[in-house]
Amino acid sequence: MQPLRRRRLSHFRTIFFSALFSVVGLAVTAFVGPIGGTEAVELERPNIVFLLCDNLGYGDVGCYGSTLHRTPHIDQMAREGMRLTNFYSASGVCTPSRASLMTGCYPRRVGLDRTDPDGHVLRPLSPNGLHPDEITIAEALKSRGYATACIGKWHLGDHPEFLPTRQGFDYYFG
């Protein structure tokens, strides 16, 4: 047998048997379940701190490379927690991007995608806002036992039915 053909065959065998054993292993664990009647262990829930800042650039905080601004507390949270390095915004405008972030939906889906000719999406005391029936990340986290707070700019409606405390947040200051 030629050396190149022998290497290809050897490589094929390695991949084939690795895939076969992986599939068999997954199938066995899927059907067998826990061994010896062991009970499932509840994992500790992580603390979640989500920062959303208008006009904050990727490199404006120390943990992402800034030497211009000192952000020691944010840098510490990044070192001790999780850093997101690949993400996209559903919109470059405040209200649509916040609506998308809170709901996981496109801004048009939740009716907060249109801007007036002057660029405002929601004006002060606008009759519009994030509909109370939309499920927010705060409501999803609250259903898992988390305490939730929103501090700062909300910009998803000023009327009582649109405020953060009606959208799953336990506490709001803004």
Foldseek 3Di string as FASTA:
>chain_A
DDPVVVVVVVVVVVVVVVVVVVVVVVVCCVPPDDPPPDDDDDDDDDDDDDDDDQPQDQCNEVCSPDPPDDDPVVNVCVVVHPDDDDDDALDNADQQRLLCQFQVDGSVVQPQDDADPVGHRADVQRPFFRALVGATPLQVVVVVPDAAEAEDDRPGHDDPCHDVVSRNHPYYHD
